[in-house]
Amino acid sequence: MFLALLAPMLRTGTERAVAALAVLLGLGLLPVLPAGVPVLVAALAAPVVLWAHGPQERVPRTREGGGAVNIWLAIGLTVVGCYAVKLVGLLVPAGVLERPLVRRLAALLPVALLAALTAQQAFADGRALVLDARAAGLVAAAVALLLRAPFLLVVAAAVLVTAGVRALGG
């Protein structure tokens, strides 16, 4: 599913470079960092590629029990954290948000995150890299995307191929 969300974002060389670097960072750091951290580090692909491409890059177009207490504490802290992040975002002056570099960075961060998530979901099991039925499903989804299939058909193709390979013992 991540690939189907990511594919429309890969229109320019910059976006493809961000995705490639994010995949390399996400998979390369998987064995040495705790779960979830490699994906967050992969988000650094966006500013790195922007820096490497320099200021001449054009601005992309935008598109419209005790456990229970701990869980509720985590939910409460998450709510407060999300509100704080939103509040900080609202406090940023409009002039800062209109800068070309900020706009490019905002457009490329989802590319980096989705590329890293796609790679980790397809090629990782915990902290180990694996090649199993999920890779076949990813290939099926990529082929469906190349054939310009609708989103649900892309997801269905990936699910059916993955299930088929697993049923055959892979």
Protein backbone atom coordinates (compact mmCIF):
# COMPACT_ATOMS: atom_id res chain seq x y z
CA MET A 1 0.00 0.00 0.00
CA PHE A 2 2.88 2.39 0.76
CA LEU A 3 4.18 1.92 -2.79
CA ALA A 4 0.81 2.89 -4.24
CA LEU A 5 0.90 6.06 -2.15
CA LEU A 6 4.53 6.77 -3.00
CA ALA A 7 4.47 6.23 -6.78
CA PRO A 8 2.59 9.43 -7.72
CA MET A 9 5.14 11.45 -5.74
CA LEU A 10 8.13 10.26 -7.80
CA ARG A 11 7.76 12.66 -10.74
CA THR A 12 11.11 14.44 -10.69
CA GLY A 13 14.71 13.34 -10.33
CA THR A 14 14.88 15.06 -6.96
CA GLU A 15 11.93 13.07 -5.65
CA ARG A 16 13.42 9.83 -6.96
CA ALA A 17 16.80 10.68 -5.39
CA VAL A 18 15.12 11.36 -2.03
CA ALA A 19 13.28 8.04 -2.24
CA ALA A 20 16.45 6.11 -3.15
CA LEU A 21 18.48 7.67 -0.34
CA ALA A 22 15.64 7.09 2.14
CA VAL A 23 15.49 3.40 1.17
CA LEU A 24 19.26 3.07 1.61
CA LEU A 25 19.20 4.82 4.99
CA GLY A 26 16.14 2.93 6.21
CA LEU A 27 17.45 -0.51 5.27
CA GLY A 28 21.10 0.20 6.03
CA LEU A 29 20.42 1.37 9.57
CA LEU A 30 17.88 -1.36 10.33
CA PRO A 31 20.36 -3.79 11.96
CA VAL A 32 21.95 -1.17 14.21
CA LEU A 33 19.11 1.08 15.40
CA PRO A 34 15.97 0.33 17.43
CA ALA A 35 12.68 -0.28 15.60
CA GLY A 36 11.19 2.81 13.99
CA VAL A 37 14.33 4.92 14.26
CA PRO A 38 15.71 4.05 10.79
CA VAL A 39 12.54 5.43 9.18
CA LEU A 40 12.88 8.67 11.11
CA VAL A 41 16.55 8.93 10.14
CA ALA A 42 15.55 8.25 6.52
CA ALA A 43 13.56 11.49 6.60
CA LEU A 44 16.96 13.22 6.53
CA ALA A 45 17.15 12.18 2.87
CA ALA A 46 14.98 15.16 1.94
CA PRO A 47 17.24 17.94 3.29
CA VAL A 48 20.39 16.09 2.17
CA VAL A 49 19.17 15.82 -1.43
CA LEU A 50 17.97 19.44 -1.41
CA TRP A 51 21.39 20.55 -0.18
CA ALA A 52 23.14 18.42 -2.82
CA HIS A 53 20.98 19.80 -5.63
CA GLY A 54 21.57 23.36 -4.51
CA PRO A 55 19.32 26.41 -4.73
CA GLN A 56 18.72 26.15 -8.49
CA GLU A 57 16.17 23.34 -8.05
CA ARG A 58 12.65 24.43 -8.99
CA VAL A 59 9.82 24.43 -6.45
CA PRO A 60 7.53 21.42 -6.95
CA ARG A 61 3.82 22.00 -7.39
CA THR A 62 1.74 21.33 -4.31
CA ARG A 63 -1.35 19.09 -4.30
CA GLU A 64 -4.44 19.81 -2.90
CA GLY A 65 -4.48 -2.52 35.07
CA GLY A 66 -1.06 -0.85 35.54
CA GLY A 67 -0.78 -1.44 31.83
CA ALA A 68 -4.03 0.46 31.32
CA VAL A 69 -2.66 3.44 33.24
CA ASN A 70 0.49 3.44 31.13
CA ILE A 71 -1.54 3.22 27.94
CA TRP A 72 -3.74 6.16 28.94
CA LEU A 73 -0.69 8.10 30.01
CA ALA A 74 0.89 7.43 26.61
CA ILE A 75 -2.32 8.46 24.85
CA GLY A 76 -2.53 11.64 26.92
CA LEU A 77 1.11 12.53 26.24
CA THR A 78 0.61 11.85 22.54
CA VAL A 79 -2.42 14.16 22.46
CA VAL A 80 -0.49 16.92 24.23
CA GLY A 81 2.52 16.40 21.94
CA CYS A 82 0.39 16.53 18.79
CA TYR A 83 -1.34 19.69 19.98
CA ALA A 84 2.03 21.27 20.83
CA VAL A 85 3.44 20.43 17.39
CA LYS A 86 0.34 21.89 15.72
CA LEU A 87 0.56 25.01 17.88
CA VAL A 88 4.24 25.49 17.01
CA GLY A 89 3.32 25.12 13.34
CA LEU A 90 0.68 27.82 13.66
CA LEU A 91 3.17 30.15 15.34
CA VAL A 92 5.62 29.98 12.42
CA PRO A 93 5.42 33.24 10.46
CA ALA A 94 3.78 32.91 7.04
CA GLY A 95 6.88 34.37 5.39
CA VAL A 96 8.95 31.41 6.58
CA LEU A 97 6.45 28.92 5.17
CA GLU A 98 6.50 30.61 1.76
CA ARG A 99 10.26 30.29 1.31
CA PRO A 100 11.11 28.01 -1.64
CA LEU A 101 13.43 25.83 0.44
CA VAL A 102 10.78 25.22 3.10
CA ARG A 103 8.18 24.40 0.42
CA ARG A 104 10.54 21.94 -1.30
CA LEU A 105 11.44 20.31 2.00
CA ALA A 106 7.76 19.94 2.94
CA ALA A 107 7.05 18.34 -0.45
CA LEU A 108 9.97 15.88 -0.16
CA LEU A 109 9.56 14.68 3.43
CA PRO A 110 6.58 12.41 2.61
CA VAL A 111 8.59 10.91 -0.26
CA ALA A 112 11.46 10.01 2.08
CA LEU A 113 9.20 8.58 4.77
CA LEU A 114 7.03 6.52 2.40
CA ALA A 115 10.06 5.16 0.54
CA ALA A 116 11.72 4.05 3.78
CA LEU A 117 8.48 2.55 5.11
CA THR A 118 7.91 0.68 1.85
CA ALA A 119 11.42 -0.77 1.90
CA GLN A 120 11.23 -1.78 5.54
CA GLN A 121 7.80 -3.37 5.18
CA ALA A 122 9.00 -5.38 2.16
CA PHE A 123 12.54 -6.34 3.16
CA ALA A 124 12.77 -6.31 6.96
CA ASP A 125 11.82 -8.69 9.75
CA GLY A 126 12.58 -7.05 13.05
CA ARG A 127 16.20 -5.96 12.76
CA ALA A 128 17.12 -8.36 9.96
CA LEU A 129 16.91 -7.94 6.21
CA VAL A 130 14.91 -10.72 4.50
CA LEU A 131 13.75 -11.62 1.03
CA ASP A 132 10.39 -13.38 1.22
CA ALA A 133 6.86 -13.32 -0.19
CA ARG A 134 6.48 -9.62 0.60
CA ALA A 135 9.11 -8.80 -2.04
CA ALA A 136 7.03 -10.64 -4.64
CA GLY A 137 3.99 -8.64 -3.56
CA LEU A 138 5.98 -5.42 -3.90
CA VAL A 139 7.02 -6.41 -7.42
CA ALA A 140 3.38 -7.16 -8.29
CA ALA A 141 2.33 -3.74 -6.96
CA ALA A 142 5.10 -2.04 -8.95
CA VAL A 143 3.98 -3.78 -12.14
CA ALA A 144 0.37 -2.78 -11.48
CA LEU A 145 1.49 0.82 -10.96
CA LEU A 146 3.47 0.77 -14.21
CA LEU A 147 0.29 -0.41 -15.94
CA ARG A 148 -1.52 2.54 -14.33
CA ALA A 149 -3.91 0.35 -12.36
CA PRO A 150 -6.24 1.99 -9.83
CA PHE A 151 -5.12 2.11 -6.19
CA LEU A 152 -7.37 -0.74 -5.00
CA LEU A 153 -6.22 -2.98 -7.84
CA VAL A 154 -2.57 -2.27 -6.95
CA VAL A 155 -3.21 -3.27 -3.34
CA ALA A 156 -5.21 -6.35 -4.42
CA ALA A 157 -2.42 -7.49 -6.75
CA ALA A 158 0.15 -7.18 -3.96
CA VAL A 159 -2.04 -9.07 -1.51
CA LEU A 160 -2.88 -11.88 -3.93
CA VAL A 161 0.72 -12.40 -5.06
CA THR A 162 2.05 -12.31 -1.50
CA ALA A 163 -0.59 -14.79 -0.33
CA GLY A 164 0.06 -17.01 -3.35
CA VAL A 165 3.82 -17.13 -2.74
CA ARG A 166 3.25 -17.87 0.95
CA ALA A 167 0.77 -20.63 0.06
CA LEU A 168 3.38 -22.19 -2.23
CA GLY A 169 5.82 -22.28 0.68
CA GLY A 170 7.82 -19.11 0.08
